[in-house]
N, C-alpha and C. Protein backbone atom coordinates (compact mmCIF):
# COMPACT_ATOMS: atom_id res chain seq x y z
N MET A 1 -46.86 0.75 36.27
CA MET A 1 -45.51 0.81 35.40
C MET A 1 -45.81 1.18 34.16
N ARG A 2 -44.61 2.06 34.12
CA ARG A 2 -44.71 3.25 32.89
C ARG A 2 -44.22 2.37 31.48
N ARG A 3 -44.65 2.53 30.27
CA ARG A 3 -44.20 1.46 29.18
C ARG A 3 -43.47 2.75 28.23
N GLU A 4 -42.77 2.63 27.99
CA GLU A 4 -41.99 3.73 27.03
C GLU A 4 -41.86 3.30 25.60
N THR A 5 -42.38 4.08 24.73
CA THR A 5 -42.37 3.50 23.42
C THR A 5 -41.17 4.14 22.39
N LEU A 6 -40.14 3.20 21.87
CA LEU A 6 -39.26 3.77 20.90
C LEU A 6 -39.44 4.02 19.49
N THR A 7 -38.99 5.27 19.27
CA THR A 7 -39.21 5.52 17.94
C THR A 7 -38.28 4.35 16.87
N SER A 8 -38.52 4.41 15.63
CA SER A 8 -37.41 4.02 14.67
C SER A 8 -36.20 4.19 14.61
N SER A 9 -35.91 5.31 14.70
CA SER A 9 -34.66 5.61 14.84
C SER A 9 -33.82 5.68 16.40
N GLU A 10 -34.47 5.50 17.52
CA GLU A 10 -34.39 4.77 18.43
C GLU A 10 -34.10 3.49 18.51
N ARG A 11 -34.21 2.59 17.62
CA ARG A 11 -34.56 1.18 17.42
C ARG A 11 -33.41 1.30 16.53
N GLY A 12 -32.71 1.69 16.02
CA GLY A 12 -32.03 1.71 15.17
C GLY A 12 -32.30 1.88 13.50
N GLY A 13 -33.67 1.47 13.49
CA GLY A 13 -34.05 1.25 11.81
C GLY A 13 -34.29 2.42 11.07
N ALA A 14 -35.12 2.26 10.11
CA ALA A 14 -34.97 3.29 9.18
C ALA A 14 -35.84 4.35 9.89
N VAL A 15 -35.92 5.79 9.40
CA VAL A 15 -36.49 6.83 10.25
C VAL A 15 -37.30 6.79 8.44
N LEU A 16 -38.52 7.28 9.44
CA LEU A 16 -40.04 7.21 8.36
C LEU A 16 -40.02 8.89 7.88
N GLY A 17 -40.38 8.81 6.95
CA GLY A 17 -39.98 10.27 6.02
C GLY A 17 -38.85 10.53 5.58
N ARG A 18 -37.75 10.40 5.80
CA ARG A 18 -36.52 10.65 4.97
C ARG A 18 -35.83 9.26 4.40
N TYR A 19 -35.83 9.84 3.38
CA TYR A 19 -36.12 9.10 1.97
C TYR A 19 -34.20 9.48 1.54
N CYS A 20 -33.38 8.47 0.69
CA CYS A 20 -32.30 8.72 0.02
C CYS A 20 -32.82 9.05 -1.55
N LYS A 21 -31.61 9.38 -2.30
CA LYS A 21 -32.40 9.63 -3.55
C LYS A 21 -32.53 8.25 -4.51
N SER A 22 -32.13 7.27 -3.97
CA SER A 22 -32.75 5.82 -4.78
C SER A 22 -33.58 5.37 -4.11
N LEU A 23 -34.71 6.45 -3.38
CA LEU A 23 -36.03 6.13 -2.85
C LEU A 23 -36.16 5.15 -1.78
N LYS A 24 -34.78 4.86 -1.30
CA LYS A 24 -35.10 3.89 0.00
C LYS A 24 -34.83 4.66 1.09
N GLU A 25 -35.40 4.21 2.17
CA GLU A 25 -35.55 4.97 3.23
C GLU A 25 -33.99 4.99 3.89
N ALA A 26 -34.14 6.30 4.54
CA ALA A 26 -32.52 6.62 4.91
C ALA A 26 -32.72 5.63 6.79
N LEU A 27 -31.45 5.55 6.93
CA LEU A 27 -31.25 4.63 8.21
C LEU A 27 -30.44 5.48 8.98
N ILE A 28 -30.63 5.62 10.16
CA ILE A 28 -30.32 6.34 11.32
C ILE A 28 -28.55 5.66 11.91
N ARG A 29 -27.74 6.68 11.80
CA ARG A 29 -26.26 5.97 12.44
C ARG A 29 -26.08 7.15 13.65
N ILE A 30 -25.00 6.20 14.61
CA ILE A 30 -24.58 7.26 15.53
C ILE A 30 -23.02 7.31 15.14
N LEU A 31 -22.96 8.73 15.45
CA LEU A 31 -21.49 9.22 15.38
C LEU A 31 -20.55 8.99 16.40
N TRP A 32 -19.36 8.43 16.33
CA TRP A 32 -18.31 8.27 17.25
C TRP A 32 -17.30 8.87 17.25
N THR A 33 -17.40 10.23 16.78
CA THR A 33 -15.99 10.78 16.77
C THR A 33 -15.43 11.72 18.13
N ASP A 34 -14.32 11.90 18.28
CA ASP A 34 -14.20 12.76 19.22
C ASP A 34 -14.66 13.93 19.85
N LEU A 35 -14.94 14.51 18.60
CA LEU A 35 -15.98 15.73 18.93
C LEU A 35 -17.47 16.08 18.98
N ASN A 36 -17.79 14.78 18.21
CA ASN A 36 -19.23 14.61 18.84
C ASN A 36 -20.05 13.32 18.94
N PRO A 37 -19.65 12.78 19.62
CA PRO A 37 -19.84 11.33 20.31
C PRO A 37 -21.26 11.22 20.66
N GLY A 38 -21.74 10.16 20.02
CA GLY A 38 -23.35 10.15 20.34
C GLY A 38 -24.19 11.01 19.42
N ARG A 39 -23.82 11.59 18.66
CA ARG A 39 -24.27 11.87 17.50
C ARG A 39 -25.04 11.41 16.33
N ARG A 40 -26.39 11.52 16.13
CA ARG A 40 -27.05 10.83 15.16
C ARG A 40 -27.30 11.31 13.97
N PHE A 41 -27.29 10.65 12.83
CA PHE A 41 -27.21 11.32 11.33
C PHE A 41 -27.66 9.93 10.46
N TYR A 42 -28.26 10.27 9.43
CA TYR A 42 -29.02 9.84 8.54
C TYR A 42 -27.51 9.21 7.26
N VAL A 43 -27.89 7.98 6.90
CA VAL A 43 -27.22 7.42 5.94
C VAL A 43 -27.98 6.84 5.05
N CYS A 44 -27.61 6.61 4.14
CA CYS A 44 -28.47 5.88 2.94
C CYS A 44 -27.64 4.56 2.62
N GLY A 45 -28.57 3.74 2.76
CA GLY A 45 -27.98 1.95 2.65
C GLY A 45 -26.75 1.61 3.64
N THR A 46 -25.85 1.03 3.03
CA THR A 46 -24.74 0.44 4.33
C THR A 46 -23.42 1.25 4.28
N GLN A 47 -24.05 2.83 4.22
CA GLN A 47 -23.04 3.58 4.44
C GLN A 47 -22.91 4.24 6.17
N GLY A 48 -21.78 4.66 6.42
CA GLY A 48 -21.77 4.87 8.04
C GLY A 48 -20.85 4.32 8.58
N ILE A 49 -19.55 3.96 8.12
CA ILE A 49 -18.54 3.55 8.97
C ILE A 49 -18.16 4.23 9.53
N ILE A 50 -17.65 3.69 10.92
CA ILE A 50 -17.38 4.49 12.13
C ILE A 50 -16.09 5.46 12.08
N PRO A 51 -16.38 6.55 11.76
CA PRO A 51 -14.64 7.35 11.17
C PRO A 51 -14.00 7.63 12.74
N GLY A 52 -14.21 7.64 13.45
CA GLY A 52 -13.58 7.96 14.81
C GLY A 52 -12.72 6.77 14.94
N LEU A 53 -13.31 5.65 14.97
CA LEU A 53 -12.62 3.95 14.86
C LEU A 53 -11.49 4.00 13.62
N LEU A 54 -11.69 4.48 12.09
CA LEU A 54 -11.02 4.17 11.26
C LEU A 54 -9.65 5.34 11.49
N ARG A 55 -9.90 6.55 12.21
CA ARG A 55 -9.18 7.60 12.50
C ARG A 55 -7.89 6.81 13.64
N ARG A 56 -8.52 6.29 14.55
CA ARG A 56 -7.48 5.97 15.45
C ARG A 56 -6.90 4.69 15.00
N ILE A 57 -7.45 3.75 14.27
CA ILE A 57 -6.66 2.90 13.33
C ILE A 57 -5.34 3.45 12.52
N ARG A 58 -5.81 4.51 11.84
CA ARG A 58 -4.52 5.34 10.85
C ARG A 58 -3.45 5.38 12.20
N THR A 59 -3.87 6.49 13.30
CA THR A 59 -3.41 6.98 14.03
C THR A 59 -2.02 6.02 14.27
N MET A 60 -2.85 4.59 14.85
CA MET A 60 -2.16 3.69 15.55
C MET A 60 -0.83 3.01 14.46
N GLU A 61 -1.42 2.85 13.19
CA GLU A 61 -0.49 2.34 12.22
C GLU A 61 0.60 3.47 12.08
N GLU A 62 0.34 4.92 11.68
CA GLU A 62 1.57 5.67 12.25
C GLU A 62 2.94 5.72 12.77
N GLU A 63 2.19 5.35 14.24
CA GLU A 63 2.78 5.39 15.68
C GLU A 63 3.69 3.64 15.29
N LEU A 64 2.96 3.14 14.49
CA LEU A 64 3.60 1.52 14.28
C LEU A 64 4.53 1.87 13.21
N GLN A 65 4.71 2.25 12.44
CA GLN A 65 5.48 2.73 11.52
C GLN A 65 6.83 3.59 12.25
N LEU A 66 6.77 4.32 12.85
CA LEU A 66 7.37 5.27 13.72
C LEU A 66 8.48 4.60 14.43
N GLN A 67 7.81 3.46 15.05
CA GLN A 67 8.37 2.62 16.49
C GLN A 67 9.24 1.68 15.87
N ARG A 68 8.69 1.28 14.29
CA ARG A 68 9.40 0.47 13.43
C ARG A 68 10.89 1.03 13.17
N ALA A 69 10.76 2.10 12.58
CA ALA A 69 12.10 2.94 12.30
C ALA A 69 12.81 3.20 13.14
N LYS A 70 12.44 3.27 14.24
CA LYS A 70 13.16 3.28 15.76
C LYS A 70 14.15 2.22 15.89
N VAL A 71 12.99 1.23 16.03
CA VAL A 71 13.77 -0.14 16.14
C VAL A 71 15.19 -0.51 15.45
N LYS A 72 14.67 -0.18 14.19
CA LYS A 72 15.86 -0.34 12.93
C LYS A 72 16.70 0.35 12.98
N LYS A 73 16.55 1.59 13.65
CA LYS A 73 18.31 2.72 13.80
C LYS A 73 18.79 2.17 15.00
N ILE A 74 18.22 1.46 15.86
CA ILE A 74 18.43 1.02 17.02
C ILE A 74 19.53 -0.33 16.48
N ARG A 75 18.69 -1.15 15.94
CA ARG A 75 19.83 -2.49 15.57
C ARG A 75 20.78 -2.06 15.00
N PHE A 76 20.89 -1.22 13.81
CA PHE A 76 21.79 -0.49 12.92
C PHE A 76 23.07 0.03 13.88
N TRP A 77 22.90 0.78 14.58
CA TRP A 77 23.81 1.54 15.81
C TRP A 77 24.49 0.24 16.68
N PHE A 78 23.39 -0.68 17.31
CA PHE A 78 24.22 -1.76 18.02
C PHE A 78 24.67 -2.65 17.27
N GLY A 79 24.47 -3.08 16.04
CA GLY A 79 25.31 -4.14 15.40
C GLY A 79 26.81 -3.35 14.92
N ASN A 80 26.61 -1.60 14.79
CA ASN A 80 27.59 -1.06 14.18
C ASN A 80 28.76 -1.02 15.42
N CYS A 81 28.07 -0.75 16.70
CA CYS A 81 28.92 -0.87 17.97
C CYS A 81 29.59 -2.09 18.20
N LEU A 82 28.68 -2.99 18.18
CA LEU A 82 29.31 -4.86 18.44
C LEU A 82 30.63 -4.75 17.38
N ILE A 83 30.59 -4.43 16.15
CA ILE A 83 31.31 -5.13 15.20
C ILE A 83 32.90 -4.26 15.69
N VAL A 84 32.67 -2.67 16.06
CA VAL A 84 33.58 -1.89 16.63
C VAL A 84 34.45 -2.80 17.74
N MET A 85 33.58 -2.96 18.50
CA MET A 85 33.66 -3.77 20.06
C MET A 85 34.82 -5.09 19.50
N ILE A 86 34.46 -5.97 18.61
CA ILE A 86 34.76 -7.19 18.28
C ILE A 86 36.18 -7.11 17.70
N ILE A 87 36.36 -5.93 16.68
CA ILE A 87 37.66 -5.36 16.24
C ILE A 87 39.03 -5.00 16.90
N LEU A 88 38.38 -4.14 17.77
CA LEU A 88 39.26 -3.78 19.11
C LEU A 88 39.48 -4.72 19.93
N GLY A 89 38.67 -5.59 20.30
CA GLY A 89 39.02 -6.97 21.37
C GLY A 89 40.12 -7.60 20.48
N LEU A 90 39.99 -8.02 19.24
CA LEU A 90 41.16 -8.75 18.18
C LEU A 90 42.23 -8.09 18.29
N PHE A 91 42.11 -6.72 18.13
CA PHE A 91 43.23 -6.15 17.94
C PHE A 91 44.26 -6.08 19.46
N LEU A 92 43.50 -5.83 20.41
CA LEU A 92 43.72 -5.87 21.66
C LEU A 92 44.83 -7.18 21.92
N LEU A 93 44.01 -8.33 21.36
CA LEU A 93 44.82 -9.52 21.80
C LEU A 93 45.54 -10.22 21.02
N LEU A 94 45.62 -9.81 19.88
CA LEU A 94 46.69 -9.92 18.76
C LEU A 94 47.68 -9.02 19.02
N LYS A 95 47.66 -7.96 19.23
CA LYS A 95 48.79 -7.22 19.27
C LYS A 95 50.26 -7.61 20.69
N PRO A 96 51.15 -7.62 20.05
CA PRO A 96 52.26 -8.11 20.77
C PRO A 96 52.70 -6.97 22.00
N ASN A 97 52.81 -7.68 23.07
CA ASN A 97 52.70 -6.87 24.25
C ASN A 97 54.18 -5.92 24.30
N SER A 98 54.17 -4.88 24.41
CA SER A 98 55.43 -4.26 24.42
C SER A 98 56.42 -4.72 25.74
N ARG A 99 55.93 -4.53 26.72
CA ARG A 99 56.61 -5.05 27.97
C ARG A 99 57.39 -6.06 27.98
N MET A 100 56.82 -7.10 27.37
CA MET A 100 57.50 -8.40 26.63
C MET A 100 58.77 -8.27 26.01
N ARG A 101 58.94 -7.33 25.20
CA ARG A 101 59.88 -6.86 24.07
C ARG A 101 61.23 -6.39 24.94
N ASN A 102 60.73 -5.67 25.82
CA ASN A 102 61.77 -4.67 26.19
C ASN A 102 62.55 -5.61 27.51
N SER A 103 62.27 -6.80 27.97
CA SER A 103 63.07 -7.40 28.65
C SER A 103 63.77 -8.25 28.38
């Protein structure tokens, strides 16, 4: 049985020989963007938030705002139509019948 050893970068730990300006060892992270999924890169400290995830959240928030604006317009027009229908209904109910006057 063959046993493979993992390098520190494959284990997700610090990479030997790569140091930040603060003289701390650089860490390797994996990129999860649409253009380069799985690409590895070096970061200093706790940097390396997943940019693809942030972009996806931002896109979904923008889409949510657009949907809320559409719902607001629909409610506005529905309310106005309902008011007009009520006024017309009351007008027709309260209007004296012209046939009864002629009789």
